[in-house]
Each structure stands twice: as structure tokens, then as C-alpha cells.
Amino acid sequence: MEIKHSWQEGRRLKTANPMMNIESIIMAERNDACNQIRDCFETAAADDYIFKKRKEGLKGFGIMHLLIAAYVRTVSQRPGINRFIRGQRVYARNNIEVAMTIKKEMRLDAPDTVIKMEFPADATAEDVYRIVNKEIETARTEESSFDDVAKVLGSLPRFMLKFAVWVLKKMDYHRMLPRSLSKLSPFHGSMIITSMGSLGIPPIYHHIYNFGNVPLFISFGAKRSVVELDKNGAPVNRKYVDYCVVTDERICDGHYFASALKYMRTIMSNPEVLDNKPEKVIEDIK
């Protein structure tokens, strides 16, 4: 979706439930409005799909690609989870931006960097794979603009850094932050995702930030095996991936969030739907 103005991330919702406007005043900070949920999905269908995509030539296609693709497809059908709060008002985001922290090299002492990826609402799993891998490759071979800004800010004396952040917050609150900065910032976007599975540990409930406007943080863990009884009472070995979701409850109600999370879990159980574009991309309310 085209952004009409370079500084504009979204449009203010004019027909939202009045309670949403009240909540953003009562719960002024994003951490005031955090909801947390932990869930899991059985990986048989996902494993088969990942194997199929790798055979098709998508080298390294994995759970991360699949989860991001499922999230993007969910936004296309449940756009309310892609809203954000700015200046204690509710906005519908004009695009889908996902942030992720990666290591430039797989060493303990290797530096981290943040990548931001923009996806079309009708993206397929292959579209997501190519966008993600392109951004990762670029970040590992080139110095990013985010790294440059972080170095400049990090070199400031503490009192100047605190003042600079205060100014940025005020500009953001009043919709004065340049779009060039919000596109660069990992604190502005649709969602942040992190893999604890690559570290071999369970997922964590990661806080969402008061700075910026990201309303959703997803963390997923390592695959685990469980012996369960099938419908005939026979023991079977099944594998699961646990994930934690932290949300800003001010952007939509609990029923809507639940519907979106169930829709996303359904996709993880039937990932073949991601081979094709959605029949229709649903627009958010006015």
C-alpha cells in the first residue's frame, strides 16, 4: 500500500470504538497496556512444508520465514492487529513492517544489528523468504543506516543523549518525526520477532517499548518432543514449537486479538495456503 506522505505511517481511525480512545488516555504508556499469551503449534505440517520449500530451491527456508509469512497473511485478513498508538490516538498502519535483531556472524562476540523488512499484504511464503533473506544478507555484508545512527547517538554524552531521546519522543507524539527516521527505527513498525529456538531455549515474554509504536512482539522457542496418546490410545511422538506474544491491548479488543491469533495458528497447521496470494486483502475500518 502506498504511503501518501513521506512522514505518514498511518491514518487516524475515525470510526473506532470510543473506548479505544479512552484507553489510550488511561493507559498512556505502551507498557501499561501489555497483554501476554503463550501458545504452541504442532509442527508436522510445518515440517513437511519447510522440506517441500527447500526442495523447490528455497535454501534455508525455516520456521522464522513461515511464522513471518503467517503473520503477514493474518494482517491481510485481520488488519486491526496492525494499528498503533501515537499521541494517545489510534491509527491504522499503511504498511507491514517487521523488525528483527540478527548477529552479523554466529559468534558470541559478534555485533548485533537490526533489520526492518517491509512486506506487501498479499505476500506469499516465497515472497517473504526472498525479502527476509535479502535484508539479512545486506545487513551482514554492509554497514546499515541504523548502525550509523546508533554509533552517533551512542557517542553522545549521557545528558545530550537523554535530551535527544526526549526530543524524538516529543516529535513522535505530535506526528513531527520524519518518515525517514521512523522507517529506520526498530521501535516503529508492525511487529518485532525473535527466535529463541536458534539459541536452543524456550521463548520469552519480551516487553514492547514505550518509545516508538510497535504493538506486537513475538518470540518463539526451540522445537520440543512430546509423547502423547492418539485417538486409539496408542503413544505417538509429536513435536511442538512454543511461542509467546506480547500485545498492546489498546489497538483492538480481546475478541479481535483472539481471532487473529487463532487464524495465524490455523495457517501454521495448513501452510500450503501461503503458496498463493489471498483472495482478498481486507482494509481496516475508516
Protein backbone atom coordinates (compact mmCIF):
# COMPACT_ATOMS: atom_id res chain seq x y z
CA MET A 1 0.00 0.00 0.00
CA GLU A 2 1.38 3.39 -0.96
CA ILE A 3 2.24 5.86 1.79
CA LYS A 4 0.71 9.21 0.80
CA HIS A 5 3.27 11.37 2.57
CA SER A 6 6.88 10.65 3.42
CA TRP A 7 6.26 11.34 7.12
CA GLN A 8 3.00 9.45 7.44
CA GLU A 9 2.99 5.91 8.83
CA GLY A 10 -0.77 5.59 9.05
CA ARG A 11 -4.17 7.22 9.15
CA ARG A 12 -6.15 8.07 12.25
CA LEU A 13 -9.19 5.85 12.84
CA LYS A 14 -12.35 7.96 12.96
CA THR A 15 -14.94 5.20 13.48
CA ALA A 16 -13.14 3.20 16.18
CA ASN A 17 -14.95 2.22 19.36
CA PRO A 18 -14.85 5.29 21.67
CA MET A 19 -13.50 3.07 24.43
CA MET A 20 -10.26 2.73 22.46
CA ASN A 21 -9.68 6.48 22.69
CA ILE A 22 -10.37 6.43 26.42
CA GLU A 23 -7.98 3.52 26.98
CA SER A 24 -5.12 5.35 25.30
CA ILE A 25 -5.59 8.21 27.76
CA ILE A 26 -5.90 6.00 30.84
CA MET A 27 -3.02 3.76 29.75
CA ALA A 28 -0.68 6.42 28.41
CA GLU A 29 2.40 4.20 28.07
CA ARG A 30 2.64 1.05 25.98
CA ASN A 31 3.90 -0.99 28.93
CA ASP A 32 0.73 -0.02 30.82
CA ALA A 33 -1.29 -1.86 28.19
CA CYS A 34 0.70 -5.09 27.74
CA ASN A 35 -1.15 -8.38 27.43
CA GLN A 36 0.78 -11.64 27.29
CA ILE A 37 -0.16 -15.02 25.86
CA ARG A 38 1.74 -18.26 25.40
CA ASP A 39 0.71 -20.86 22.83
CA CYS A 40 2.19 -23.61 20.68
CA PHE A 41 1.66 -25.37 17.38
CA GLU A 42 2.28 -28.95 16.33
CA THR A 43 4.96 -28.94 13.66
CA ALA A 44 4.12 -31.95 11.42
CA ALA A 45 2.51 -29.82 8.69
CA ALA A 46 5.10 -27.06 9.07
CA ASP A 47 7.99 -29.54 8.83
CA ASP A 48 6.56 -31.08 5.65
CA TYR A 49 6.04 -27.64 4.15
CA ILE A 50 9.56 -26.50 5.04
CA PHE A 51 11.01 -29.67 3.46
CA LYS A 52 8.95 -29.02 0.32
CA LYS A 53 10.09 -25.40 0.01
CA ARG A 54 13.72 -26.39 0.43
CA LYS A 55 13.33 -29.00 -2.32
CA GLU A 56 11.93 -26.20 -4.50
CA GLY A 57 15.20 -24.32 -4.06
CA LEU A 58 14.45 -22.05 -1.09
CA LYS A 59 17.68 -22.85 0.73
CA GLY A 60 17.46 -22.32 4.49
CA PHE A 61 13.69 -21.81 4.49
CA GLY A 62 12.59 -22.36 8.08
CA ILE A 63 10.21 -21.69 10.93
CA MET A 64 11.16 -17.99 11.02
CA HIS A 65 10.13 -17.48 7.39
CA LEU A 66 6.94 -19.45 7.97
CA LEU A 67 5.94 -17.51 11.07
CA ILE A 68 6.52 -14.15 9.39
CA ALA A 69 4.55 -15.28 6.33
CA ALA A 70 1.70 -16.47 8.58
CA TYR A 71 1.73 -13.12 10.40
CA VAL A 72 1.63 -11.14 7.14
CA ARG A 73 -1.28 -13.26 5.89
CA THR A 74 -3.07 -12.72 9.20
CA VAL A 75 -2.68 -8.94 8.85
CA SER A 76 -4.20 -9.19 5.37
CA GLN A 77 -7.35 -10.67 6.93
CA ARG A 78 -7.27 -9.11 10.42
CA PRO A 79 -5.80 -5.64 9.77
CA GLY A 80 -6.72 -4.39 13.25
CA ILE A 81 -3.60 -6.02 14.72
CA ASN A 82 -1.55 -3.67 12.53
CA ARG A 83 -2.76 -0.50 14.22
CA PHE A 84 -0.65 1.67 16.51
CA ILE A 85 -0.97 4.41 19.12
CA ARG A 86 0.52 7.84 18.52
CA GLY A 87 -0.22 10.91 20.59
CA GLN A 88 -2.72 8.77 22.55
CA ARG A 89 -4.79 8.25 19.41
CA VAL A 90 -5.36 5.09 17.36
CA TYR A 91 -4.01 4.81 13.82
CA ALA A 92 -4.23 2.18 11.08
CA ARG A 93 -0.78 1.48 9.67
CA ASN A 94 -0.26 1.99 5.96
CA ASN A 95 2.17 -0.88 5.51
CA ILE A 96 3.54 -4.03 7.16
CA GLU A 97 6.98 -3.59 8.72
CA VAL A 98 8.66 -6.35 10.73
CA ALA A 99 11.85 -5.84 12.73
CA MET A 100 14.33 -8.47 13.83
CA THR A 101 17.72 -8.45 15.56
CA ILE A 102 20.40 -10.59 13.95
CA LYS A 103 24.08 -11.27 14.53
CA LYS A 104 26.43 -10.29 11.75
CA GLU A 105 28.28 -13.55 12.43
CA MET A 106 27.41 -16.58 14.58
CA ARG A 107 29.98 -15.82 17.28
CA LEU A 108 29.39 -14.82 20.91
CA ASP A 109 31.39 -11.63 20.42
CA ALA A 110 29.85 -10.76 17.03
CA PRO A 111 27.93 -7.45 16.96
CA ASP A 112 24.14 -7.33 16.67
CA THR A 113 22.25 -5.29 14.14
CA VAL A 114 18.56 -4.72 13.47
CA ILE A 115 16.87 -5.29 10.14
CA LYS A 116 13.46 -3.95 9.13
CA MET A 117 11.53 -5.69 6.41
CA GLU A 118 8.51 -4.33 4.56
CA PHE A 119 6.04 -6.82 3.11
CA PRO A 120 3.07 -6.43 0.77
CA ALA A 121 -0.17 -7.54 2.41
CA ASP A 122 -0.66 -10.20 -0.28
CA ALA A 123 2.82 -11.73 0.11
CA THR A 124 3.26 -15.47 -0.39
CA ALA A 125 5.72 -17.58 1.62
CA GLU A 126 8.23 -17.30 -1.22
CA ASP A 127 7.86 -13.50 -1.29
CA VAL A 128 8.56 -13.39 2.43
CA TYR A 129 11.56 -15.71 2.08
CA ARG A 130 13.19 -13.54 -0.56
CA ILE A 131 12.58 -10.26 1.32
CA VAL A 132 13.89 -11.65 4.62
CA ASN A 133 16.99 -13.25 3.10
CA LYS A 134 17.83 -10.16 1.07
CA GLU A 135 17.72 -7.94 4.17
CA ILE A 136 19.77 -10.41 6.22
CA GLU A 137 22.42 -10.71 3.52
CA THR A 138 22.62 -6.93 3.14
CA ALA A 139 22.94 -6.41 6.90
CA ARG A 140 25.75 -8.94 7.17
CA THR A 141 27.78 -7.51 4.31
CA GLU A 142 27.15 -3.78 4.65
CA GLU A 143 27.01 -1.21 7.43
CA SER A 144 23.35 -0.26 7.88
CA SER A 145 21.96 3.23 8.37
CA PHE A 146 20.61 2.05 11.74
CA ASP A 147 24.15 1.12 12.83
CA ASP A 148 25.40 4.56 11.75
CA VAL A 149 22.71 6.36 13.75
CA ALA A 150 23.27 4.13 16.79
CA LYS A 151 27.00 4.92 16.72
CA VAL A 152 26.36 8.67 16.58
CA LEU A 153 23.81 8.59 19.41
CA GLY A 154 25.95 6.22 21.47
CA SER A 155 28.90 8.61 21.24
CA LEU A 156 26.96 11.49 22.81
CA PRO A 157 27.44 12.40 26.47
CA ARG A 158 24.66 10.93 28.60
CA PHE A 159 22.84 14.22 29.21
CA MET A 160 22.84 15.00 25.48
CA LEU A 161 21.62 11.51 24.62
CA LYS A 162 18.76 11.79 27.12
CA PHE A 163 17.82 15.17 25.67
CA ALA A 164 17.95 13.82 22.10
CA VAL A 165 15.65 10.92 23.01
CA TRP A 166 13.27 13.33 24.78
CA VAL A 167 13.11 15.49 21.65
CA LEU A 168 12.47 12.45 19.44
CA LYS A 169 9.65 11.30 21.74
CA LYS A 170 8.01 14.72 21.62
CA MET A 171 8.30 14.84 17.83
CA ASP A 172 6.83 11.36 17.58
CA TYR A 173 3.93 12.23 19.89
CA HIS A 174 3.00 15.23 17.77
CA ARG A 175 3.46 13.45 14.41
CA MET A 176 6.52 15.53 13.61
CA LEU A 177 9.05 12.68 13.37
CA PRO A 178 10.32 12.44 9.78
CA ARG A 179 9.25 9.28 7.99
CA SER A 180 12.90 8.68 7.11
CA LEU A 181 13.61 8.20 10.83
CA SER A 182 10.57 6.05 11.61
CA LYS A 183 11.42 3.76 8.66
CA LEU A 184 14.89 3.36 10.13
CA SER A 185 13.79 2.91 13.75
CA PRO A 186 13.25 -0.68 15.01
CA PHE A 187 10.84 0.82 17.56
CA HIS A 188 8.41 1.85 14.82
CA GLY A 189 6.63 -0.85 12.88
CA SER A 190 4.04 -3.59 12.86
CA MET A 191 5.80 -6.32 14.80
CA ILE A 192 9.13 -7.47 16.22
CA ILE A 193 10.01 -11.16 16.07
CA THR A 194 12.82 -13.03 17.78
CA SER A 195 13.96 -16.65 17.68
CA MET A 196 14.93 -18.31 20.94
CA GLY A 197 14.93 -21.58 19.02
CA SER A 198 18.20 -20.65 17.34
CA LEU A 199 19.66 -20.38 20.85
CA GLY A 200 18.13 -23.70 21.91
CA ILE A 201 15.97 -22.22 24.68
CA PRO A 202 12.24 -21.67 25.30
CA PRO A 203 10.57 -18.41 24.22
CA ILE A 204 10.41 -15.37 26.48
CA TYR A 205 7.71 -12.76 27.08
CA HIS A 206 9.55 -9.81 25.57
CA HIS A 207 8.29 -6.38 26.58
CA ILE A 208 7.13 -3.92 23.96
CA TYR A 209 8.72 -0.49 24.02
CA ASN A 210 7.29 2.79 25.28
CA PHE A 211 9.42 4.55 22.66
CA GLY A 212 8.02 4.23 19.14
CA ASN A 213 4.79 2.46 18.28
CA VAL A 214 5.35 -1.30 17.76
CA PRO A 215 2.20 -3.02 19.16
CA LEU A 216 3.26 -6.67 18.92
CA PHE A 217 6.28 -8.77 19.92
CA ILE A 218 6.51 -12.47 19.04
CA SER A 219 9.15 -14.80 20.49
CA PHE A 220 9.37 -18.47 19.56
CA GLY A 221 11.44 -21.25 21.06
CA ALA A 222 13.23 -24.47 20.21
CA LYS A 223 11.29 -27.43 18.91
CA ARG A 224 10.34 -29.90 21.65
CA SER A 225 9.14 -33.52 21.51
CA VAL A 226 6.18 -34.85 23.48
CA VAL A 227 4.82 -38.39 23.75
CA GLU A 228 1.02 -38.26 23.61
CA LEU A 229 -1.84 -40.71 23.14
CA ASP A 230 -3.65 -40.75 19.81
CA LYS A 231 -7.42 -41.23 19.49
CA ASN A 232 -6.95 -45.00 19.83
CA GLY A 233 -4.89 -44.69 23.00
CA ALA A 234 -1.59 -45.55 21.32
CA PRO A 235 1.50 -43.49 22.22
CA VAL A 236 2.77 -41.19 19.46
CA ASN A 237 5.68 -38.78 19.37
CA ARG A 238 4.74 -35.23 18.36
CA LYS A 239 6.84 -32.10 18.04
CA TYR A 240 5.77 -28.62 19.08
CA VAL A 241 7.10 -25.08 18.88
CA ASP A 242 6.14 -22.76 21.73
CA TYR A 243 5.70 -19.05 21.15
CA CYS A 244 4.92 -16.03 23.31
CA VAL A 245 3.05 -12.95 22.12
CA VAL A 246 3.05 -9.59 23.90
CA THR A 247 0.46 -7.12 22.61
CA ASP A 248 -0.66 -3.54 23.09
CA GLU A 249 -4.27 -4.08 24.10
CA ARG A 250 -5.29 -0.54 23.11
CA ILE A 251 -5.25 -1.20 19.36
CA CYS A 252 -8.16 -3.69 19.30
CA ASP A 253 -10.31 -5.70 21.70
CA GLY A 254 -9.58 -9.15 23.09
CA HIS A 255 -12.05 -10.91 20.80
CA TYR A 256 -10.31 -9.47 17.74
CA PHE A 257 -6.86 -10.40 19.02
CA ALA A 258 -8.05 -13.94 19.79
CA SER A 259 -9.50 -14.28 16.30
CA ALA A 260 -6.22 -13.12 14.75
CA LEU A 261 -4.08 -15.49 16.83
CA LYS A 262 -6.36 -18.45 16.04
CA TYR A 263 -6.22 -17.54 12.34
CA MET A 264 -2.42 -17.45 12.47
CA ARG A 265 -2.29 -20.83 14.23
CA THR A 266 -4.62 -22.28 11.57
CA ILE A 267 -2.17 -21.17 8.88
CA MET A 268 0.70 -22.88 10.71
CA SER A 269 -1.36 -26.10 10.58
CA ASN A 270 -2.13 -25.62 6.89
CA PRO A 271 0.84 -23.64 5.46
CA GLU A 272 0.10 -24.58 1.83
CA VAL A 273 -2.30 -21.63 1.71
CA LEU A 274 0.80 -19.42 1.73
CA ASP A 275 1.77 -20.66 -1.73
CA ASN A 276 -0.94 -18.42 -3.20
CA LYS A 277 -1.91 -14.82 -2.64
CA PRO A 278 -5.05 -14.24 -0.56
CA GLU A 279 -8.30 -13.95 -2.50
CA LYS A 280 -8.85 -10.53 -0.95
CA VAL A 281 -6.88 -8.15 1.28
CA ILE A 282 -9.22 -6.69 3.88
CA GLU A 283 -8.89 -2.98 4.64
CA ASP A 284 -9.14 -1.66 8.20
CA ILE A 285 -12.07 0.47 9.30
CA LYS A 286 -12.12 4.17 8.47
